[in-house]
Structures are given as C-alpha cells and as structure tokens.
Amino acid sequence: SIKMDVLHSNGVLIIQHLQRDYRAYQDFLNFMSHVGDPRNIFSIYFPLWFQLNQVVGTKMIWVAVIGDWFNLIFKWILFGHRPYWWVQETMIYPNQSSPCLEQFPITCETGPGSPSGHAMGSSCVWYVMVTAALSYTIRWKDKSAVTLHRLTWSLLWSMFWIIQISVCISRVFIATHFPHQVILGVFAGILVAEAFERTPAIQTASLRMYIKTNLFLFIFALGFYLVLKLLDIDLLWSVPKAKKWCANPDWINIDTTPFAGLVRNLGALFGLGLGINSEMFITSCKGKNSCKTSFRILCIAASLATLQLYNFVKIPTHTECLFYILSFCKSAAMPLTVVALVPYCVHSLMRTTGKKLN
C-alpha cells in the first residue's frame, strides 16, 4: 500500500507537469485519447482492414474483444484508482492540501484504472495492423526488396511506438490514468495480439463457436462478479467514486462502466460470427466480384459511411438493463453491416450494372 501511494504520488507529479508544460498540445492530446478509444476499432479500423484482408479483419475483432475482456478482468483484480479521484481521497498529503488536477469532458471514466483500456486496445490492434502489413513485405526475396522490407519494418514499428506513446501521454494528461497503468496496458495488449498470431482456428470458426465463446466470456465475467459480491467485494466500487469526484456530472457516461464495455464487445463478436456465416457474405465476399479493386473500395466507402450513421443512434440510458440490450444489438449490427449487408448490396449493384451494360 505504501509503495502504491508512492507510485501514485509520483504519477500525480507527472500529470501536473504535463498539464502545466504541455498546455499548448491539449487539442492534440485529446485527439490522441480519442484515437486510442477501443470503439474506433469497430467503426474505423475494422471496416478498412476487413475489405482489404478478411483474415486480418477477423483477427482484429477477436483481438479487440478478448483483449478488452482481459482488461475488464484485470481491472477487477487490480483495483486500480484513477488520478482524478485518488488525489481527493488519499491521506498522504499534509493538511489536506491535495494537488489540483484539471479534468476534461473525457476524464471521468467510471471503471477501475489499471490497466488502461485505451492503451491496451490501441496497442493490440495496431500490433495486428503492423504485423499484417509487414507480412506482405517479408515475402520479397531480391536484395533491393530486402532493404525495402527493413526500411518498412523500421518505419511501421516507429509509427507504432509513436502512436502508443502519444495515446499513453494523452491518457495521463487528462488525469484518467497513472503512468504505470498505461504502460501495463500497452504491454498487455501486445501479449494478447501476439497470442492470436498463433491462433489460426478463429478464421474457420462456426457460428456455434462464436456463440459458445460469447456465452463463456459473459458467464465467466458475470460469475466472477457475483462470487466476489457474495464475498462482500463490490467490483463496481469505482462508479460512485467517479460520480463523486467528477468536476461535471454531465461528463459521467454509462458507456464507460465495466459491464457496458463487456456487452459492447460481446455484441461485436456475435455480429462478426453472424455475418461471416451468412449467405450474404458467401455470395458477395466469396464470389467473383470479391477480387475486384472497385468492389473493395466501394465496400470500404459504404461501410465507413454507414457506420458513421450509427453514431447518430442514441441509446436511452434511463433504464440500465434496456441500455445493455440495445447496446448489444447496436454493436452486433456494426460488424454485420461491414461483413454481410454492405458487401451484398454492393455485389447486387455491380451485378445489376453489369447486366445492363451487356
């Protein structure tokens, strides 16, 4: 406990330094915090990669979902505080003179702080993207191509670490994480992504396997929560702290609670399984049009445009149970749209156009 207090107090000094000396970069750091938001995986990264390479896109969803599930379990085990409420409750500062940490609209996360979900989600997904891009260049055999591969390797991994460091700094800057929490998140995300490099079975998983995986993840998380609740350990202890110490009640969002993230991820995984095992996917993405560049570009553009419309769908938050059900449905609809609905519509349009031209 004393060691953690020292670690936290040193972290507070770093946050104060960032908020004081990096004020000019506030907009950029807030932007990088949004870049690391796990929800971008489903609305931006996945639509792009799935149409370019279905293997990589499928792996991306699995890595994101399993990584975020592990993040939830780690948060429940580690009981990590967040800076913006820790400074208000700790007794290590004399005469109750707790440091003043500025808060922002994205500061008031309600779940425990360790490890950072943004850092973990960002590192695991960008790790998948970088290794996927390098898998194309590693096949080059001639001497000039080998040199180009090495340059590409250096460039992509440099970009990877620049993005991860920027996301980590942004999360510390807004006082929602301590430095050690974001560092732990980055390396935990890399471990999850590396594990899936050696799990080819996900590419041939049936809908039954997707459902079984969903049920296991949900039952394990819910069972873990209920067992500890019976032992009088409240795993939602962080929510009242967030509500108490958030500078603006409007910044508290039910979407940041532990179970909201779990439901969102389970919905995305179910939607992926439903889409990949549908007739629409087989007809469109396994047909003759699937190899055409025009088909892929149209699918990417239509998918990104359609998914942005989902952002306008506001789920009611007055009833928590209804919120979770609708959140699951909305999350399932996103990969289903990318995998099956959009490609099938584009395939039908191209087929109709081709018939008219003939």
Foldseek 3Di string as FASTA:
>chain_A
DVVVVVLLVVLVVVLVCCLVPVVVCLVVLVVLLVVLPLVCLLQPVLLQVCLVPVLLSLLLLVLSQVQLLVQLVVLLVVVAAFQLLCQQPDPPDPPSPGDDADADLQQLQQTHPAAPSSLLSLQLNLLSVLVVVLVVLVPDDDDVSVVVSVVSNVVSVVVSVVSSVSNLSSNSNNRNYGNVNSVRSNVSNNVSNVVSVPVSVSVVDALVNLVVVLVVSVCVVVVVQVVVVVVVHHNSVRRVSSCVRPPDNVSDDPCSGSVNSNLLSSLQSSLLNPLCNDPQLCPQCVDPCSPDPVLSVQLSVVLSVVSVVLVVDDQDPPDPVSSSVVSSNSSSVNNNCSRGVSRSVSRVVVVVVVVVVD
